[in-house]
Protein backbone atom coordinates (compact mmCIF):
# COMPACT_ATOMS: atom_id res chain seq x y z
CA MET A 1 74.47 95.26 64.44
CA LEU A 2 74.66 96.42 67.95
CA LYS A 3 78.11 95.47 68.39
CA PHE A 4 79.09 96.82 64.99
CA LEU A 5 77.45 99.86 66.41
CA ILE A 6 78.98 99.42 70.11
CA LEU A 7 82.21 99.54 68.96
CA SER A 8 81.45 103.06 66.57
CA LEU A 9 80.53 104.63 69.14
CA PHE A 10 84.32 104.75 70.65
CA THR A 11 86.58 104.54 67.58
CA SER A 12 85.04 106.76 65.02
CA SER A 13 87.21 109.99 64.99
CA CYS A 14 89.63 108.53 68.05
CA PHE A 15 92.72 106.52 68.55
CA ALA A 16 92.87 103.25 70.73
CA VAL A 17 95.36 103.84 73.51
CA SER A 18 96.42 101.62 75.98
CA PHE A 19 95.56 102.33 80.04
CA ASN A 20 98.81 102.74 80.98
CA GLU A 21 99.21 105.74 78.49
CA ALA A 22 95.10 106.83 78.72
CA VAL A 23 97.00 107.44 82.49
CA GLU A 24 100.30 109.52 81.40
CA ILE A 25 97.29 111.33 79.32
CA LEU A 26 96.49 112.61 82.55
CA THR A 27 99.57 114.12 83.57
CA ASN A 28 98.87 116.56 80.61
CA HIS A 29 95.57 117.08 82.32
CA SER A 30 94.78 121.24 82.79
CA ARG A 31 93.41 120.17 86.58
CA VAL A 32 96.35 118.99 86.88
CA GLU A 33 98.54 122.09 85.14
CA SER A 34 96.42 124.55 86.53
CA MET A 35 97.60 123.33 90.01
CA GLN A 36 101.40 123.08 89.11
CA GLY A 37 100.95 126.73 87.84
CA VAL A 38 99.88 127.59 91.56
CA SER A 39 103.11 125.78 93.20
CA ARG A 40 105.44 127.32 90.45
CA ALA A 41 103.91 130.81 91.51
CA ALA A 42 104.15 130.10 95.02
CA THR A 43 107.85 129.64 94.62
CA ASP A 44 108.46 132.14 92.88
CA SER A 45 106.41 134.43 95.50
CA GLY A 46 108.87 133.22 97.75
CA GLY A 47 112.08 134.44 96.12
CA SER A 48 110.13 137.93 95.89
CA LYS A 49 109.23 137.64 100.06
CA GLY A 50 112.42 136.58 101.42
CA SER A 51 114.62 138.50 99.14
CA TRP A 52 116.11 141.86 100.96
CA GLY A 53 115.00 143.85 98.56
CA ASP A 54 117.25 146.02 96.16
CA PRO A 55 119.26 148.60 97.09
CA MET A 56 118.11 151.96 96.93
CA PHE A 57 120.19 154.85 95.52
CA LYS A 58 119.92 158.48 95.77
CA LEU A 59 120.65 161.63 93.85
CA SER A 60 120.13 164.77 95.27
CA ALA A 61 120.83 168.30 94.88
CA LYS A 62 121.47 169.78 98.64
CA ASN A 63 121.39 173.67 99.75
CA PHE A 64 121.20 175.15 96.61
CA PRO A 65 120.40 179.14 97.25
CA LYS A 66 116.60 180.36 95.73
CA ASP A 67 116.92 183.40 94.10
CA SER A 68 120.24 181.89 92.01
CA LEU A 69 120.35 178.45 92.50
CA LYS A 70 123.81 178.61 92.02
CA ARG A 71 126.10 175.55 93.75
CA ASP A 72 128.80 178.54 94.26
CA GLU A 73 127.80 180.85 96.49
CA THR A 74 127.56 178.75 99.69
CA PRO A 75 129.96 175.79 101.42
CA MET A 76 126.60 173.52 102.16
CA THR A 77 125.59 173.61 98.53
CA GLY A 78 126.31 170.50 96.89
CA ILE A 79 125.40 167.11 94.41
CA GLU A 80 124.80 164.35 97.14
CA PHE A 81 124.81 160.69 95.87
CA GLY A 82 123.74 157.62 98.08
CA ILE A 83 123.38 154.33 98.10
CA SER A 84 121.43 152.11 101.16
CA GLN A 85 120.56 148.63 101.65
CA LYS A 86 118.15 146.87 104.09
CA THR A 87 119.31 144.16 105.85
CA SER A 88 117.84 142.14 108.37
CA LEU A 89 119.59 140.64 111.91
CA THR A 90 117.55 137.18 112.21
CA ASN A 91 117.31 134.46 108.93
CA LYS A 92 113.63 135.92 109.44
CA TYR A 93 113.72 136.64 105.30
CA GLY A 94 115.10 132.75 104.88
CA ASN A 95 112.52 131.61 107.31
CA ILE A 96 110.00 133.32 104.46
CA GLN A 97 111.20 132.31 101.89
CA GLU A 98 111.22 128.25 102.87
CA SER A 99 107.78 128.72 103.98
CA PHE A 100 106.96 129.45 100.32
CA ASN A 101 108.80 126.88 99.29
CA LYS A 102 107.16 124.25 101.19
CA LEU A 103 103.68 125.64 100.28
CA ALA A 104 104.83 125.42 96.64
CA LYS A 105 105.32 121.65 97.78
CA SER A 106 102.13 121.13 99.16
CA TYR A 107 100.26 122.76 95.83
CA GLU A 108 102.96 120.07 94.02
CA TYR A 109 101.55 116.95 95.89
CA GLU A 110 97.98 118.20 95.49
CA ALA A 111 98.52 118.36 91.34
CA GLN A 112 99.73 114.67 91.78
CA ASP A 113 96.50 114.25 94.04
CA VAL A 114 94.78 115.10 91.14
CA LYS A 115 95.93 112.67 89.01
CA ARG A 116 95.46 110.05 91.26
CA GLU A 117 91.89 111.44 91.40
CA LEU A 118 91.56 111.46 87.10
CA THR A 119 92.86 108.15 87.07
CA LYS A 120 90.39 106.97 89.97
CA SER A 121 87.62 108.91 87.34
CA LEU A 122 89.21 106.88 84.79
CA TRP A 123 88.61 103.25 86.43
CA GLU A 124 84.99 104.46 87.38
CA ILE A 125 83.93 105.17 83.73
CA LEU A 126 86.10 101.75 82.46
CA ILE A 127 83.98 99.97 85.12
CA LEU A 128 80.51 101.50 84.20
CA LYS A 129 81.35 100.86 80.26
CA ARG A 130 82.04 96.87 81.09
CA LYS A 131 78.48 97.03 83.37
CA ILE A 132 76.80 98.44 80.11
CA LYS A 133 77.79 95.61 78.34
CA GLU A 134 76.87 93.29 80.37
CA GLU A 135 73.87 94.66 80.61
CA VAL A 136 73.66 94.72 77.10
CA ASP A 137 74.46 90.98 76.84
CA ILE A 138 71.84 89.97 79.09
CA LEU A 139 69.34 91.92 77.09
CA LYS A 140 70.32 90.10 73.37
CA GLU A 141 70.37 87.13 75.47
CA ASN A 142 66.83 87.49 76.60
CA LEU A 143 66.08 89.16 73.17
CA VAL A 144 66.81 85.48 71.69
CA TRP A 145 64.76 84.39 73.88
CA LEU A 146 61.47 86.21 73.72
CA SER A 147 61.81 85.46 70.13
CA LYS A 148 62.11 81.43 70.26
CA MET A 149 58.80 82.09 73.10
CA LEU A 150 57.45 83.96 70.32
CA LYS A 151 57.54 81.22 67.71
CA VAL A 152 56.04 79.27 70.01
CA SER A 153 53.15 81.28 70.58
CA LYS A 154 52.01 81.64 67.60
CA LYS A 155 51.93 78.08 67.07
CA LEU A 156 50.03 77.30 70.54
CA TYR A 157 47.79 79.97 68.75
CA VAL A 158 47.14 78.09 66.01
CA ASN A 159 46.32 75.07 67.97
CA GLY A 160 43.89 77.11 69.83
CA LYS A 161 46.36 76.72 73.18
CA THR A 162 46.49 80.01 73.89
CA SER A 163 45.40 83.70 72.97
CA GLN A 164 45.82 86.79 70.66
CA GLN A 165 46.83 88.44 74.02
CA ALA A 166 50.03 86.08 74.81
CA ILE A 167 51.30 86.89 71.01
CA LEU A 168 51.17 90.63 71.59
CA ASP A 169 52.10 90.77 75.63
CA ILE A 170 55.25 88.99 74.08
CA GLU A 171 55.60 91.52 71.39
CA ILE A 172 55.32 94.17 73.42
CA ARG A 173 57.71 92.53 76.42
CA LYS A 174 59.75 92.21 73.47
CA SER A 175 59.79 96.37 72.53
CA GLU A 176 60.93 97.06 76.24
CA ILE A 177 64.28 95.26 75.86
CA GLU A 178 64.84 96.98 72.09
CA MET A 179 64.31 100.37 74.02
CA ASP A 180 66.34 99.23 76.84
CA LEU A 181 69.22 98.73 74.70
CA ASN A 182 68.72 101.67 72.88
CA GLY A 183 68.99 103.23 76.24
CA ARG A 184 72.61 101.70 77.11
CA GLU A 185 74.03 103.09 73.72
CA SER A 186 72.99 106.39 74.69
CA GLU A 187 74.58 105.55 77.99
CA LEU A 188 77.76 104.84 76.26
CA LEU A 189 77.55 108.29 74.12
CA LYS A 190 77.76 109.66 78.06
CA ILE A 191 81.00 107.21 79.12
CA LYS A 192 82.61 108.45 75.52
CA ASP A 193 82.56 112.09 76.38
CA GLY A 194 83.60 111.31 79.93
CA LEU A 195 86.68 109.79 78.26
CA LYS A 196 87.50 113.19 76.42
CA TYR A 197 87.17 115.23 79.35
CA LEU A 198 90.06 113.06 80.52
CA LEU A 199 91.99 112.77 77.97
CA GLY A 200 90.89 114.44 74.81
CA SER A 201 88.87 114.06 71.89
CA LYS A 202 91.47 111.95 69.71
CA ASN A 203 92.10 109.37 72.53
CA SER A 204 88.67 108.44 74.25
CA PHE A 205 88.52 105.12 73.30
CA ILE A 206 91.05 102.44 75.80
CA GLU A 207 92.04 98.95 74.77
CA GLU A 208 89.74 96.55 76.66
CA ALA A 209 92.87 93.99 76.57
CA THR A 210 95.29 96.43 78.54
CA ILE A 211 93.45 97.53 81.23
CA PRO A 212 94.82 95.63 84.66
CA TRP A 213 92.17 94.72 86.27
CA ASN A 214 93.85 92.57 88.27
CA ILE A 215 95.15 95.66 90.36
CA LEU A 216 91.46 95.85 91.92
CA ASP A 217 92.29 92.78 94.52
CA LYS A 218 95.73 93.49 95.16
CA LYS A 219 97.24 95.12 97.49
CA SER A 220 100.73 98.20 97.16
CA LYS A 221 103.46 97.78 99.81
CA LYS A 222 104.07 101.30 98.66
CA LYS A 223 102.20 103.83 99.48
CA ASN A 224 101.62 107.61 98.35
CA ASP A 225 98.45 109.41 100.19
CA PHE A 226 99.30 112.95 97.91
CA LYS A 227 97.09 114.72 100.09
CA GLU A 228 97.61 114.09 103.80
CA LEU A 229 101.29 115.26 102.26
CA SER A 230 100.59 118.19 101.01
CA LEU A 231 98.57 118.56 104.61
CA LYS A 232 102.35 118.13 106.16
CA SER A 233 104.02 120.54 104.08
CA LYS A 234 101.23 123.07 104.21
CA VAL A 235 101.51 122.47 108.34
CA GLN A 236 105.50 123.02 107.27
CA SER A 237 104.89 125.98 106.02
CA LYS A 238 102.51 127.45 108.34
CA ASP A 239 105.48 126.74 111.13
CA LEU A 240 107.96 128.62 109.23
CA ALA A 241 105.86 131.29 108.63
CA LEU A 242 105.63 131.22 112.55
CA LYS A 243 109.39 131.40 113.25
CA ALA A 244 109.00 134.69 110.62
CA ALA A 245 106.11 136.55 113.26
CA ASN A 246 108.45 135.95 115.91
CA LYS A 247 111.70 137.25 114.56
CA ASP A 248 109.92 139.84 113.01
CA TYR A 249 110.14 141.37 116.90
CA ILE A 250 113.83 142.11 115.60
CA PRO A 251 113.48 145.21 113.42
CA ASP A 252 115.49 145.63 110.46
CA ILE A 253 117.65 147.95 109.66
CA THR A 254 118.55 150.03 106.70
CA PHE A 255 122.38 151.32 105.72
CA SER A 256 123.01 154.52 103.79
CA LEU A 257 126.22 156.17 102.26
CA GLY A 258 126.75 158.97 100.95
CA TYR A 259 128.66 161.31 99.19
CA THR A 260 128.14 165.44 98.53
CA LYS A 261 129.98 166.67 95.81
CA ARG A 262 130.63 170.59 96.42
CA SER A 263 132.22 173.77 94.80
CA ASN A 264 134.52 173.65 98.03
CA ILE A 265 134.96 176.99 98.79
CA ASP A 266 135.58 176.61 102.28
CA GLY A 267 138.25 174.21 100.93
CA ARG A 268 136.97 171.55 102.86
CA GLY A 269 135.97 169.44 100.14
CA ASP A 270 133.59 167.27 99.53
CA PHE A 271 132.17 165.65 102.41
CA VAL A 272 131.11 162.18 103.00
CA GLY A 273 127.82 160.73 105.21
CA ALA A 274 126.20 157.67 106.68
CA SER A 275 123.22 156.65 108.12
CA LEU A 276 121.97 154.06 110.02
CA SER A 277 117.82 153.59 110.97
CA PHE A 278 115.08 151.20 112.08
CA PRO A 279 111.87 151.14 112.57
CA LEU A 280 110.19 151.29 116.37
CA PRO A 281 107.71 148.65 116.82
CA PHE A 282 105.12 150.61 118.80
CA SER A 283 102.45 149.96 115.97
CA GLY A 284 100.22 147.09 115.80
CA ASP A 285 101.17 145.59 113.05
CA LYS A 286 103.65 143.13 114.03
CA TYR A 287 101.21 141.71 116.90
CA SER A 288 98.58 141.29 114.23
CA LYS A 289 100.89 139.31 111.75
CA LYS A 290 102.33 137.76 114.63
CA GLY A 291 98.32 135.91 115.53
CA VAL A 292 97.67 135.77 111.77
CA ALA A 293 100.74 132.87 111.55
CA VAL A 294 99.62 131.70 115.42
CA HIS A 295 95.96 130.46 114.08
CA GLU A 296 96.52 129.56 110.33
CA LYS A 297 99.29 127.29 111.82
CA TYR A 298 96.37 125.82 114.24
CA SER A 299 94.34 125.79 110.87
CA ALA A 300 96.65 123.60 109.28
CA GLN A 301 97.31 121.26 112.07
CA LYS A 302 93.95 120.53 112.66
CA ASN A 303 92.72 119.65 108.81
CA LEU A 304 95.52 117.34 109.27
CA GLU A 305 94.20 115.77 111.84
CA ASN A 306 91.24 116.08 110.43
CA TYR A 307 91.53 114.37 107.22
CA LYS A 308 93.60 111.51 108.64
CA ARG A 309 90.14 110.87 111.07
CA VAL A 310 88.36 111.07 107.87
CA ARG A 311 90.20 108.76 105.85
CA GLU A 312 90.65 105.89 108.45
CA ARG A 313 86.08 106.44 108.64
CA ASP A 314 86.42 106.09 104.63
CA ARG A 315 88.27 103.18 104.64
CA SER A 316 85.86 101.45 107.27
CA ILE A 317 83.04 102.36 105.36
CA LEU A 318 84.39 101.14 102.28
CA SER A 319 85.93 97.96 103.59
CA HIS A 320 82.40 97.34 105.13
CA GLN A 321 80.63 97.88 101.81
CA ILE A 322 82.72 95.85 100.10
CA GLU A 323 82.62 93.59 102.29
CA SER A 324 78.43 92.83 101.88
CA VAL A 325 78.51 93.24 98.19
CA GLU A 326 81.00 90.23 97.87
CA LYS A 327 78.75 88.31 99.99
CA ASP A 328 75.34 89.50 98.20
CA LEU A 329 77.35 88.30 94.96
CA HIS A 330 78.36 84.87 96.70
CA ILE A 331 74.74 84.11 97.24
CA ILE A 332 73.48 85.29 93.45
CA ASN A 333 76.14 83.18 92.10
CA SER A 334 75.96 79.87 94.21
CA LYS A 335 72.07 80.10 94.68
CA THR A 336 69.74 83.17 93.10
CA ILE A 337 70.76 82.66 89.04
CA ARG A 338 70.76 78.79 88.89
CA PHE A 339 67.26 78.31 90.83
CA ALA A 340 66.24 81.50 88.69
CA ARG A 341 67.36 80.24 85.15
CA ASN A 342 65.66 76.54 86.21
CA SER A 343 62.63 78.10 86.86
CA ARG A 344 62.52 79.96 83.06
CA SER A 345 62.99 76.74 81.53
CA ILE A 346 60.75 74.97 83.12
CA THR A 347 58.04 77.62 83.42
CA SER A 348 58.98 77.74 78.92
CA LYS A 349 58.89 74.50 78.91
CA SER A 350 55.13 74.09 80.46
CA TYR A 351 54.39 76.95 78.58
CA GLY A 352 55.36 75.07 75.11
CA LEU A 353 53.36 72.33 76.73
CA GLY A 354 50.30 74.22 77.04
CA ASN A 355 49.82 73.64 80.92
CA SER A 356 51.96 77.45 82.18
CA SER A 357 50.32 81.04 80.93
CA TYR A 358 52.55 83.38 78.84
CA VAL A 359 51.93 85.72 82.32
CA GLU A 360 53.83 82.81 84.13
CA LEU A 361 56.43 83.01 80.92
CA LEU A 362 56.97 86.81 81.47
CA GLN A 363 57.17 86.73 84.93
CA SER A 364 60.14 84.48 84.98
CA GLU A 365 62.14 85.84 82.24
CA LEU A 366 61.54 89.33 83.38
CA LYS A 367 62.97 87.89 86.78
CA LEU A 368 66.04 86.18 85.31
CA GLN A 369 67.02 89.40 83.64
CA SER A 370 66.49 91.59 86.75
CA ILE A 371 68.37 89.19 88.67
CA LEU A 372 71.27 89.32 86.16
CA MET A 373 70.85 93.42 85.53
CA LEU A 374 71.64 92.86 89.74
CA LYS A 375 74.84 90.52 89.50
CA SER A 376 75.94 93.44 87.07
CA ARG A 377 75.39 95.97 89.08
CA LEU A 378 76.46 94.99 92.70
CA GLN A 379 79.93 93.87 90.60
CA ALA A 380 80.39 97.26 89.54
CA MET A 381 79.82 98.50 93.25
CA ARG A 382 81.67 96.42 94.70
CA ASP A 383 84.50 97.38 91.84
CA SER A 384 84.06 100.91 92.65
CA TYR A 385 84.03 100.48 96.22
CA LYS A 386 87.88 99.25 95.43
CA ILE A 387 89.01 101.85 93.99
CA ALA A 388 87.65 104.49 96.17
CA LEU A 389 89.39 102.30 98.77
CA LYS A 390 93.02 101.88 96.73
CA TYR A 391 92.78 105.79 95.94
CA THR A 392 91.85 106.58 100.28
CA SER A 393 94.72 104.39 101.22
CA GLY A 394 97.26 106.11 98.41
CA GLU A 395 97.72 102.74 96.94
CA ASN A 396 98.77 102.72 92.76
CA LEU A 397 95.95 103.17 90.69
CA SER A 398 97.65 101.96 87.59
CA GLU A 399 100.88 99.43 86.82
């Protein structure tokens, strides 16, 4: 009955997908698409900021008499048509556009890292689900064993070899396990909600046979640390921005051409004109921009350096944690579980003969359950550390 309930929690109103399909679904997660949108926006900003700007067209009425506003009373009256264009004497704007392109690439790497982070979260959910199912099996096996001991206790009670208190305490222990099973069902519902967040409400069940557990023990030769690549692209972006700021001291030049249509009173025909203008860099604007660019590049470099140091620290810590947990698991698997099972078996036989108390019986049962639960918890902890190490190292999280 419990298996049916657990299965129904994961299969009702949803489609079963393979692990690889689930990872592919993460590509369209809102967090990934949001970062991709930021990347595209940065690319478009580069096209805008790296442009010389549109040419300017000018139409002006010049030197019309204020009393009559006639265009044929003075030789200086006319209609001027002009066009002007700002140009740069350096490749400053090319540097600006390339700076935004590098920034866009950085956000693109961040989007890929977000997908890896979500894949890591998917692994953590599956590891937790496996742990809960193992705990359910442990509790169910214990429930069966307690039911047998309850029958033995009733026979001993009839023969006057145990008290009614023993029967009541075993019944209480059974009810505690039943409550533990109900708690595990609640945890499975939380897991389903977690999968819904990652994959959508219709894809909250993953076929267990497709989960590549062997990946946990594989070392990937090809590594893609998208977080590092993102930080490197930001450094490159800030370096290009600094180059543009240095070239900003050479001012942009605006060329203008004009044609004035006159009434030709003096027989000189129409006028033409040209002008050249540029700003004088006397204000602190350009100096401030360079200062900002210098500090932003320095900050980006330090962020990259700090990330590398943190990554090495985390790798070392995770490796030590994995090693420690595996040592504990080796002891539990090779010694502790065997001793606890033998202890429960001996105590139950002794209890059946009336030589051990029900308190000793329940203690042996509880001790074995605690050890089996500890084993399941340590296995989940170890695998979570392994996934975290693979994520931190930039290794593949899927096949």
